[in-house]
Protein backbone atom coordinates (compact mmCIF):
# COMPACT_ATOMS: atom_id res chain seq x y z
CA MET A 1 0.00 0.00 0.00
CA THR A 2 1.21 3.50 -0.87
CA PRO A 3 2.11 5.38 2.33
CA TYR A 4 -0.32 8.12 3.28
CA PRO A 5 0.86 11.62 4.24
CA LEU A 6 0.59 12.78 7.82
CA SER A 7 -2.74 14.62 7.45
CA TYR A 8 -4.44 11.61 5.83
CA LEU A 9 -3.08 9.25 8.46
CA LEU A 10 -4.35 11.39 11.34
CA VAL A 11 -7.79 11.92 9.81
CA LEU A 12 -8.26 8.25 8.92
CA ASN A 13 -7.22 7.13 12.37
CA LEU A 14 -9.51 9.67 14.03
CA LEU A 15 -12.43 8.39 11.94
CA ALA A 16 -11.48 4.82 12.83
CA ALA A 17 -11.47 5.66 16.55
CA ILE A 18 -14.87 7.35 16.26
CA VAL A 19 -16.41 4.43 14.33
CA PHE A 20 -14.90 1.90 16.74
CA MET A 21 -16.17 3.59 19.90
CA SER A 22 -19.56 4.25 18.28
CA PHE A 23 -19.83 0.51 17.68
CA VAL A 24 -18.98 -0.14 21.34
CA TRP A 25 -21.71 2.38 22.27
CA LEU A 26 -24.23 0.35 20.26
CA LEU A 27 -23.15 -2.77 22.15
CA SER A 28 -23.70 -0.96 25.45
CA LEU A 29 -27.32 -0.05 24.74
CA PRO A 30 -29.03 -3.44 25.11
CA THR A 31 -26.87 -4.32 28.12
CA ARG A 32 -27.24 -0.87 29.73
CA ASN A 33 -23.55 -1.03 30.59
CA ALA A 34 -21.40 1.96 29.62
CA SER A 35 -18.45 0.21 31.29
CA LEU A 36 -17.89 -1.51 27.95
CA ALA A 37 -16.03 1.67 27.00
CA ASP A 38 -13.35 0.80 29.55
CA ILE A 39 -13.07 -2.82 28.38
CA PHE A 40 -12.64 -1.86 24.71
CA TRP A 41 -10.35 1.13 25.44
CA GLY A 42 -7.12 -0.85 25.06
CA LEU A 43 -8.34 -2.57 21.90
CA GLY A 44 -8.86 0.83 20.29
CA PHE A 45 -5.12 1.50 20.58
CA VAL A 46 -4.39 -1.87 19.00
CA LEU A 47 -6.62 -0.90 16.07
CA ILE A 48 -4.87 2.46 15.62
CA ALA A 49 -1.42 0.87 15.89
CA TRP A 50 -2.04 -1.61 13.10
CA LEU A 51 -3.91 0.85 10.88
CA SER A 52 -0.87 3.11 11.16
CA PHE A 53 1.35 0.15 10.37
CA ALA A 54 -0.63 -0.48 7.17
CA LEU A 55 -0.86 3.17 6.12
CA THR A 56 2.72 4.34 6.66
CA GLY A 57 6.09 3.80 5.02
CA GLY A 58 8.37 4.22 7.99
CA TYR A 59 11.30 2.07 9.05
CA LEU A 60 9.93 -1.46 9.39
CA GLY A 61 11.84 -2.34 12.56
CA ARG A 62 10.49 0.64 14.47
CA LYS A 63 6.99 0.14 13.09
CA LEU A 64 6.95 -3.46 14.30
CA ILE A 65 8.23 -2.49 17.74
CA LEU A 66 5.60 0.23 18.19
CA ALA A 67 2.78 -1.95 16.88
CA PHE A 68 3.68 -5.01 18.95
CA LEU A 69 4.33 -3.08 22.17
CA THR A 70 1.01 -1.27 21.81
CA THR A 71 -0.74 -4.56 21.11
CA ALA A 72 0.78 -6.28 24.14
CA TRP A 73 -0.26 -3.40 26.41
CA GLY A 74 -3.73 -2.97 24.89
CA LEU A 75 -4.65 -6.67 24.96
CA ARG A 76 -3.45 -7.10 28.55
CA LEU A 77 -5.41 -4.06 29.70
CA SER A 78 -8.63 -5.07 27.97
CA VAL A 79 -8.46 -8.65 29.23
CA HIS A 80 -7.71 -7.45 32.76
CA ILE A 81 -10.61 -4.97 32.85
CA ALA A 82 -13.01 -7.51 31.29
CA TRP A 83 -12.03 -10.12 33.91
CA ARG A 84 -12.21 -7.56 36.74
CA ASN A 85 -15.67 -6.32 35.70
CA TRP A 86 -17.17 -9.70 34.78
CA GLY A 87 -20.57 -10.14 36.39
CA LYS A 88 -20.35 -6.90 38.38
CA GLY A 89 -22.56 -4.72 36.21
CA GLU A 90 -21.98 -1.11 35.34
CA ASP A 91 -19.26 0.90 37.08
CA ARG A 92 -20.40 3.29 39.84
CA ARG A 93 -19.29 6.31 37.82
CA TYR A 94 -21.57 5.46 34.92
CA GLN A 95 -24.41 4.45 37.25
CA ALA A 96 -24.26 7.93 38.81
CA TRP A 97 -24.34 9.59 35.39
CA ARG A 98 -27.20 7.33 34.29
CA ALA A 99 -29.21 8.22 37.40
CA LYS A 100 -28.54 11.93 36.88
CA ARG A 101 -29.39 11.99 33.17
CA GLY A 102 -32.32 9.62 33.37
CA GLU A 103 -33.87 8.50 30.10
CA SER A 104 -31.56 10.73 28.05
CA PHE A 105 -28.41 8.93 29.17
CA TRP A 106 -28.61 6.31 26.42
CA TRP A 107 -27.93 8.84 23.66
CA MET A 108 -25.95 11.37 25.69
CA SER A 109 -23.48 8.63 26.64
CA LEU A 110 -22.45 8.47 22.99
CA PHE A 111 -20.95 11.95 23.36
CA THR A 112 -20.03 12.16 27.05
CA VAL A 113 -18.49 8.70 27.30
CA PHE A 114 -17.76 6.95 24.02
CA LEU A 115 -16.86 9.75 21.60
CA THR A 116 -14.92 11.54 24.34
CA GLN A 117 -12.89 8.38 24.81
CA ALA A 118 -12.47 8.08 21.03
CA ILE A 119 -10.87 11.52 20.84
CA LEU A 120 -8.66 10.84 23.87
CA LEU A 121 -7.66 7.51 22.37
CA TRP A 122 -6.63 9.25 19.16
CA VAL A 123 -4.65 11.96 20.98
CA ILE A 124 -2.82 9.55 23.26
CA SER A 125 -2.03 7.22 20.35
CA LEU A 126 -0.35 10.03 18.38
CA VAL A 127 3.03 8.71 19.52
CA VAL A 128 2.28 5.35 17.89
CA GLN A 129 1.03 7.02 14.72
CA LEU A 130 3.89 9.51 14.33
CA GLY A 131 6.58 6.97 15.17
CA GLN A 132 5.65 4.84 12.17
CA LEU A 133 5.70 7.61 9.59
CA SER A 134 9.36 8.26 8.82
CA PRO A 135 11.83 5.91 7.07
CA VAL A 136 14.65 7.60 8.98
CA PRO A 137 16.57 6.75 10.97
CA SER A 138 16.62 3.45 9.09
CA ARG A 139 18.08 1.63 12.08
CA LEU A 140 17.35 1.22 15.75
CA THR A 141 19.03 3.76 18.00
CA MET A 142 19.78 4.18 21.69
CA TRP A 143 16.46 6.01 21.97
CA ASP A 144 14.68 2.86 20.81
CA ALA A 145 16.57 0.78 23.38
CA LEU A 146 15.76 3.28 26.14
CA GLY A 147 12.12 3.37 25.11
CA MET A 148 11.77 -0.41 25.17
CA LEU A 149 13.41 -0.53 28.60
CA VAL A 150 11.11 2.14 30.05
CA TRP A 151 8.09 0.47 28.42
CA GLY A 152 9.08 -2.88 29.94
CA VAL A 153 9.44 -1.42 33.43
CA GLY A 154 6.09 0.30 33.02
CA LEU A 155 4.30 -2.87 31.93
CA MET A 156 5.83 -4.74 34.87
CA PHE A 157 4.57 -2.12 37.32
CA GLU A 158 1.10 -2.03 35.80
CA ALA A 159 0.64 -5.79 35.47
CA VAL A 160 2.11 -6.70 38.86
CA ALA A 161 0.16 -3.96 40.65
CA ASP A 162 -3.10 -5.10 39.02
CA TRP A 163 -2.38 -8.72 39.95
CA GLN A 164 -1.52 -7.83 43.55
CA LEU A 165 -4.68 -5.77 43.94
CA ALA A 166 -6.87 -8.49 42.42
CA ARG A 167 -5.37 -11.11 44.75
CA PHE A 168 -5.89 -8.80 47.75
CA LYS A 169 -9.55 -8.19 46.89
CA ALA A 170 -10.17 -11.90 46.32
CA ASP A 171 -9.37 -12.65 49.97
CA PRO A 172 -12.54 -12.21 52.09
CA ASN A 173 -10.37 -11.37 55.11
CA ASN A 174 -9.29 -8.15 53.36
CA LYS A 175 -12.81 -6.79 52.89
CA GLY A 176 -12.88 -3.15 53.94
CA GLN A 177 -9.11 -3.05 54.36
CA VAL A 178 -6.68 -0.70 52.59
CA MET A 179 -4.35 -2.36 50.10
CA ASP A 180 -0.86 -1.38 51.30
CA GLN A 181 1.16 -4.44 50.33
CA GLY A 182 3.61 -5.21 47.53
CA LEU A 183 4.03 -2.31 45.13
CA TRP A 184 1.10 -0.59 46.86
CA ARG A 185 3.30 -0.14 49.93
CA TYR A 186 5.47 2.31 47.98
CA SER A 187 2.85 4.04 45.83
CA ARG A 188 -0.89 4.53 46.19
CA HIS A 189 -1.25 4.05 42.45
CA PRO A 190 1.61 1.89 41.11
CA ASN A 191 -0.56 0.74 38.21
CA TYR A 192 -1.03 4.34 37.05
CA PHE A 193 2.69 4.98 37.48
CA GLY A 194 3.38 1.99 35.24
CA GLU A 195 0.87 3.27 32.70
CA THR A 196 2.69 6.58 32.34
CA LEU A 197 6.04 4.80 31.96
CA ILE A 198 4.58 2.77 29.09
CA TRP A 199 3.70 5.91 27.17
CA TRP A 200 6.94 7.68 27.96
CA GLY A 201 8.71 4.57 26.69
CA LEU A 202 6.81 4.73 23.40
CA PHE A 203 7.69 8.41 23.20
CA PHE A 204 11.42 7.67 23.53
CA ILE A 205 11.11 5.16 20.66
CA THR A 206 9.46 7.80 18.49
CA PHE A 207 11.81 10.59 19.60
CA SER A 208 14.54 9.56 17.17
CA THR A 209 12.23 10.23 14.19
CA PRO A 210 11.57 13.65 12.60
CA TYR A 211 8.14 13.81 14.29
CA GLY A 212 9.52 12.90 17.70
CA TYR A 213 9.05 16.31 19.31
CA TRP A 214 5.34 16.38 18.47
CA ALA A 215 4.87 12.92 19.94
CA ILE A 216 5.38 14.28 23.47
CA ILE A 217 1.68 15.19 23.35
CA SER A 218 0.87 11.55 24.09
CA PRO A 219 2.77 10.92 27.36
CA VAL A 220 2.01 14.41 28.65
CA THR A 221 -1.72 13.88 28.03
CA ILE A 222 -1.91 10.47 29.70
CA THR A 223 0.20 11.64 32.64
CA PHE A 224 -2.04 14.67 33.17
CA MET A 225 -5.20 12.58 32.84
CA LEU A 226 -4.03 9.99 35.37
CA LEU A 227 -2.77 12.56 37.86
CA LYS A 228 -5.38 15.29 37.65
CA VAL A 229 -8.53 14.12 35.87
CA SER A 230 -9.71 10.51 35.65
CA GLY A 231 -7.05 8.79 37.71
CA VAL A 232 -5.60 9.70 41.09
CA THR A 233 -7.78 12.75 41.82
CA LEU A 234 -11.14 11.20 40.88
CA LEU A 235 -10.43 7.81 42.43
CA GLU A 236 -9.16 9.16 45.73
CA LYS A 237 -12.08 11.56 46.07
CA ASP A 238 -14.40 8.58 45.78
CA ILE A 239 -12.38 6.37 48.14
CA THR A 240 -11.97 8.95 50.90
CA GLU A 241 -15.71 9.65 50.85
CA ARG A 242 -16.49 5.95 51.31
CA ARG A 243 -13.55 4.90 53.47
CA PRO A 244 -12.09 7.49 55.88
CA GLU A 245 -9.30 5.07 56.94
CA TYR A 246 -7.75 5.62 53.52
CA ARG A 247 -6.61 9.05 54.69
CA GLU A 248 -3.93 7.52 56.93
CA TYR A 249 -2.61 5.61 53.94
CA MET A 250 -2.49 8.87 51.98
CA GLU A 251 -0.45 10.53 54.72
CA THR A 252 2.26 7.87 54.70
CA THR A 253 2.48 6.75 51.06
CA ASN A 254 3.43 8.61 47.90
CA ALA A 255 0.52 9.13 45.54
CA PHE A 256 2.33 8.25 42.33
CA VAL A 257 6.09 7.77 42.11
CA PRO A 258 7.07 4.77 44.27
CA TRP A 259 9.12 5.60 47.36
CA PHE A 260 9.62 4.29 50.86
CA PRO A 261 6.72 4.93 53.28
CA LYS A 262 7.09 7.88 55.61
CA LYS A 263 8.25 7.23 59.15
CA GLY A 264 5.59 6.24 61.62
CA ARG A 265 3.85 3.95 59.13
CA GLN A 266 2.20 0.96 60.81
CA THR A 267 3.02 -2.28 58.96
């Protein structure tokens, strides 16, 4: 296939993200479960990665690395969220929005949930799109090696943190308790920390290409979202309202970057 120029690539991928998430919205209507947006989120990145692979004429080695790393992350995330949510119904966030909007939620969710996520998906995936465009450098560089290393550390943090939390919640003796073990002893959100490392790793891979500077939009966006919007801030507001004992954990443990607990921590 003849490589597409940058503008065509970005427009086609944006349309693909919109169509994909609109399809997920249709799936959510009969089940009355907007949480499907979270399950399919990672798969949307896989779609964009391989569409970019097909539509660009960049250096094959870098294209394969970006596409496969995105696929590994996206599939793991989608499978994890699907397994975590199985049989539990709609997430509390969407239930609250559904109750607030009433009968209009079914169509408003297309814009407030699914198309919003489509646009975010497209913005965050810019690093994967831009990194596959250029045929130069026509070799792997130290930036690629650094990016793969950072990506690997990030995936380890995210996957291990998710596994530790799932195992903790599966134990009935831990009901109502604060998870402060394993990686969660050193960070209140080690999974989010790992997520940001993944995208900074992909940025380092793309940085060696002519579009590398523009690709910083992706890791900056996901880092901001996880720290200030849909991640740490929103989650901890909900937790502290439901579980006041979480405040002690907040006082002794870093919110994001893993570090040793502050002195006086009870273990």
